[in-house]
Amino acid sequence: MASTLNYKINFSDYFYYDENSPTGLRWKISIMKGKVRNLVLVRKGDVAGSFRRNREGNPSQVAVGLMGKSYRAHRIIYSLFNDDLESCKVIDHLDGNPWNNRIENLIKKTYKGNGENRAASKNSPYGISGITCEYQNPAFPSFRARVRGTSGDFHKSFSITKFGLMPAFKMAVIWRNKTIEQLSERGADYTERHGKAKL
């Protein structure tokens, strides 16, 4: 089965899947890798890839270096089992852990579908994505709930002046959760991880 990822490299010549490997991959061959002055011999059977973190120190991906380029391990693993991976598609980690590259945790999605499995942003001031406080008119502040659907954005505002601070926030959260459920019933690919709040 071809596993090229549109990079003109047959990754099955270099790697094999091993769920006992911490990255999910092992080297199929021994190879010299690195820059000219820092070449390292990687032996057949060695763990392939390294764990990367983002600026906040959270897990971001497993990267594998080959022929002077860096590739994402989860895309390589998916391609070892499937020959339908296009460069425009995302391989999503179902549990949200980018270091869990077990094949049963990987699924091909569109960018939109990947977003529907994204957890609430930790940067959100309210602990849930899609809820903002609007002060465009200082006399009438409101909480605005927003959901991206297959046919565009859905949004609704709840007046803090009319309902009070916490009731308006709860109404926005309930509306958003209900809208996500309705869109899911119509075929959207939202998961339990996607920004739903528990009140």
Protein backbone atom coordinates (compact mmCIF):
# COMPACT_ATOMS: atom_id res chain seq x y z
CA MET A 1 0.00 0.00 0.00
CA ALA A 2 1.40 3.38 -0.95
CA SER A 3 2.02 5.85 1.85
CA THR A 4 3.42 8.95 0.22
CA LEU A 5 1.48 11.82 1.84
CA ASN A 6 2.02 13.67 -1.46
CA TYR A 7 5.71 14.13 -0.52
CA LYS A 8 7.05 11.60 -3.04
CA ILE A 9 8.42 9.56 -0.16
CA ASN A 10 7.21 6.06 0.54
CA PHE A 11 7.18 6.21 4.33
CA SER A 12 6.65 2.46 4.62
CA ASP A 13 10.26 2.08 3.37
CA TYR A 14 11.51 3.92 6.46
CA PHE A 15 9.00 3.35 9.27
CA TYR A 16 6.69 0.79 10.75
CA TYR A 17 3.86 1.24 13.22
CA ASP A 18 4.38 -0.07 16.74
CA GLU A 19 1.84 0.78 19.44
CA ASN A 20 4.48 -0.07 22.05
CA SER A 21 6.65 2.77 20.75
CA PRO A 22 5.97 6.00 22.68
CA THR A 23 5.62 7.89 19.38
CA GLY A 24 3.81 5.09 17.52
CA LEU A 25 6.66 4.68 15.03
CA ARG A 26 9.94 2.79 14.77
CA TRP A 27 12.68 2.91 12.17
CA LYS A 28 12.49 0.11 9.61
CA ILE A 29 16.12 0.61 8.55
CA SER A 30 19.33 1.96 10.03
CA ILE A 31 20.03 5.43 8.72
CA MET A 32 22.38 8.39 9.26
CA LYS A 33 20.39 11.50 10.04
CA GLY A 34 21.05 15.05 11.07
CA LYS A 35 23.22 17.84 9.69
CA VAL A 36 26.66 17.22 8.21
CA ARG A 37 28.59 17.97 11.41
CA ASN A 38 26.08 16.32 13.72
CA LEU A 39 25.19 13.09 11.95
CA VAL A 40 23.66 10.43 14.17
CA LEU A 41 23.21 6.76 13.40
CA VAL A 42 19.63 5.71 13.95
CA ARG A 43 19.36 1.94 14.19
CA LYS A 44 16.65 -0.30 12.84
CA GLY A 45 13.99 -0.71 15.57
CA ASP A 46 14.80 2.59 17.32
CA VAL A 47 11.88 4.85 18.28
CA ALA A 48 11.22 7.34 15.46
CA GLY A 49 10.22 10.91 16.28
CA SER A 50 10.37 13.35 19.13
CA PHE A 51 7.75 15.01 21.30
CA ARG A 52 7.20 18.72 20.70
CA ARG A 53 5.54 21.27 22.97
CA ASN A 54 3.98 24.62 22.19
CA ARG A 55 4.96 27.97 23.74
CA GLU A 56 2.76 27.32 26.76
CA GLY A 57 4.54 24.00 27.37
CA ASN A 58 1.58 21.82 26.31
CA PRO A 59 1.93 18.82 23.97
CA SER A 60 1.70 19.95 20.33
CA GLN A 61 2.82 17.07 18.11
CA VAL A 62 5.28 14.26 17.46
CA ALA A 63 7.75 15.27 14.75
CA VAL A 64 9.91 12.93 12.67
CA GLY A 65 12.96 14.12 10.77
CA LEU A 66 13.77 12.51 7.44
CA MET A 67 16.00 13.75 4.61
CA GLY A 68 16.31 17.21 6.11
CA LYS A 69 12.54 17.69 6.53
CA SER A 70 10.19 17.38 9.49
CA TYR A 71 6.99 15.34 9.21
CA ARG A 72 4.14 14.81 11.64
CA ALA A 73 4.13 11.29 13.00
CA HIS A 74 0.35 10.97 13.13
CA ARG A 75 0.10 11.69 9.39
CA ILE A 76 2.78 9.10 8.66
CA ILE A 77 1.00 6.53 10.83
CA TYR A 78 -2.35 7.18 9.19
CA SER A 79 -0.74 6.83 5.75
CA LEU A 80 0.78 3.45 6.69
CA PHE A 81 -2.77 2.11 7.09
CA ASN A 82 -4.63 4.16 4.48
CA ASP A 83 -3.85 5.30 0.96
CA ASP A 84 -6.47 8.06 0.83
CA LEU A 85 -4.64 10.87 2.64
CA GLU A 86 -4.67 14.16 0.79
CA SER A 87 -2.54 17.12 1.82
CA CYS A 88 -5.70 19.23 2.27
CA LYS A 89 -7.10 16.92 4.97
CA VAL A 90 -6.36 16.91 8.70
CA ILE A 91 -5.65 13.82 10.76
CA ASP A 92 -7.46 14.43 14.02
CA HIS A 93 -6.61 12.92 17.40
CA LEU A 94 -10.02 11.82 18.68
CA ASP A 95 -9.07 12.19 22.35
CA GLY A 96 -7.41 15.58 21.77
CA ASN A 97 -3.97 14.32 22.86
CA PRO A 98 -1.48 15.07 20.02
CA TRP A 99 0.99 12.61 21.54
CA ASN A 100 -1.45 9.67 21.39
CA ASN A 101 -0.71 8.29 17.93
CA ARG A 102 -2.43 4.93 18.29
CA ILE A 103 -4.11 4.18 14.97
CA GLU A 104 -7.56 3.86 16.57
CA ASN A 105 -7.16 7.44 17.87
CA LEU A 106 -6.58 8.89 14.38
CA ILE A 107 -9.26 9.88 11.88
CA LYS A 108 -9.21 11.87 8.65
CA LYS A 109 -11.28 15.06 8.74
CA THR A 110 -11.67 18.38 7.05
CA TYR A 111 -10.27 21.44 8.82
CA LYS A 112 -13.82 22.26 9.86
CA GLY A 113 -14.37 18.77 11.24
CA ASN A 114 -11.13 19.05 13.18
CA GLY A 115 -12.39 22.31 14.71
CA GLU A 116 -15.58 20.54 15.79
CA ASN A 117 -13.45 18.27 17.98
CA ARG A 118 -11.47 21.12 19.51
CA ALA A 119 -11.83 21.61 23.24
CA ALA A 120 -12.65 24.92 24.85
CA SER A 121 -9.84 27.42 24.60
CA LYS A 122 -7.90 27.92 27.83
CA ASN A 123 -7.43 31.51 26.72
CA SER A 124 -11.19 32.10 26.75
CA PRO A 125 -12.01 34.36 29.70
CA TYR A 126 -15.10 32.26 30.42
CA GLY A 127 -13.57 28.79 30.03
CA ILE A 128 -15.61 28.03 26.92
CA SER A 129 -15.05 28.93 23.30
CA GLY A 130 -17.78 30.78 21.45
CA ILE A 131 -18.95 32.98 24.35
CA THR A 132 -17.93 36.63 24.44
CA CYS A 133 -19.00 39.68 26.43
CA GLU A 134 -19.93 42.63 24.24
CA TYR A 135 -19.69 46.25 25.32
CA GLN A 136 -20.34 47.97 21.99
CA ASN A 137 -23.03 49.96 23.73
CA PRO A 138 -21.85 50.38 27.35
CA ALA A 139 -25.44 50.93 28.50
CA PHE A 140 -26.50 47.53 27.13
CA PRO A 141 -23.73 44.95 27.62
CA SER A 142 -24.52 41.37 26.63
CA PHE A 143 -23.11 37.88 26.35
CA ARG A 144 -22.93 36.68 22.76
CA ALA A 145 -22.92 32.99 21.92
CA ARG A 146 -21.61 31.83 18.55
CA VAL A 147 -21.45 28.46 16.79
CA ARG A 148 -19.98 27.70 13.38
CA GLY A 149 -22.29 25.50 11.36
CA THR A 150 -22.09 23.88 7.94
CA SER A 151 -24.12 26.73 6.42
CA GLY A 152 -22.46 29.60 8.27
CA ASP A 153 -22.28 31.12 11.74
CA PHE A 154 -25.15 31.08 14.22
CA HIS A 155 -25.15 33.63 17.02
CA LYS A 156 -27.42 35.09 19.66
CA SER A 157 -26.97 37.79 22.31
CA PHE A 158 -28.34 37.84 25.85
CA SER A 159 -28.62 41.21 27.58
CA ILE A 160 -26.85 41.59 30.91
CA THR A 161 -28.96 44.68 31.64
CA LYS A 162 -32.19 42.76 31.10
CA PHE A 163 -31.34 39.36 32.64
CA GLY A 164 -28.42 40.05 34.99
CA LEU A 165 -24.77 38.97 34.71
CA MET A 166 -24.91 35.26 35.58
CA PRO A 167 -28.36 34.52 34.10
CA ALA A 168 -27.31 36.10 30.77
CA PHE A 169 -24.09 34.05 30.77
CA LYS A 170 -25.97 30.81 31.55
CA MET A 171 -28.53 31.53 28.84
CA ALA A 172 -25.73 32.05 26.30
CA VAL A 173 -24.06 28.78 27.30
CA ILE A 174 -27.33 26.82 27.20
CA TRP A 175 -28.22 28.26 23.78
CA ARG A 176 -24.76 27.39 22.43
CA ASN A 177 -24.84 23.82 23.80
CA LYS A 178 -28.33 23.27 22.39
CA THR A 179 -27.34 24.66 18.99
CA ILE A 180 -24.33 22.33 18.87
CA GLU A 181 -26.62 19.37 19.66
CA GLN A 182 -29.09 20.40 16.94
CA LEU A 183 -26.32 20.80 14.36
CA SER A 184 -24.90 17.40 15.35
CA GLU A 185 -28.33 15.82 14.77
CA ARG A 186 -28.24 17.33 11.27
CA GLY A 187 -24.86 15.76 10.49
CA ALA A 188 -22.26 18.14 11.95
CA ASP A 189 -19.28 16.34 13.44
CA TYR A 190 -19.14 18.02 16.87
CA THR A 191 -17.77 15.85 19.66
CA GLU A 192 -18.18 15.94 23.44
CA ARG A 193 -14.82 17.71 23.67
CA HIS A 194 -15.92 20.71 21.62
CA GLY A 195 -16.26 23.73 23.85
CA LYS A 196 -19.43 22.67 25.64
CA ALA A 197 -19.71 24.07 29.14
CA LYS A 198 -21.06 22.39 32.22
CA LEU A 199 -23.03 24.79 34.40
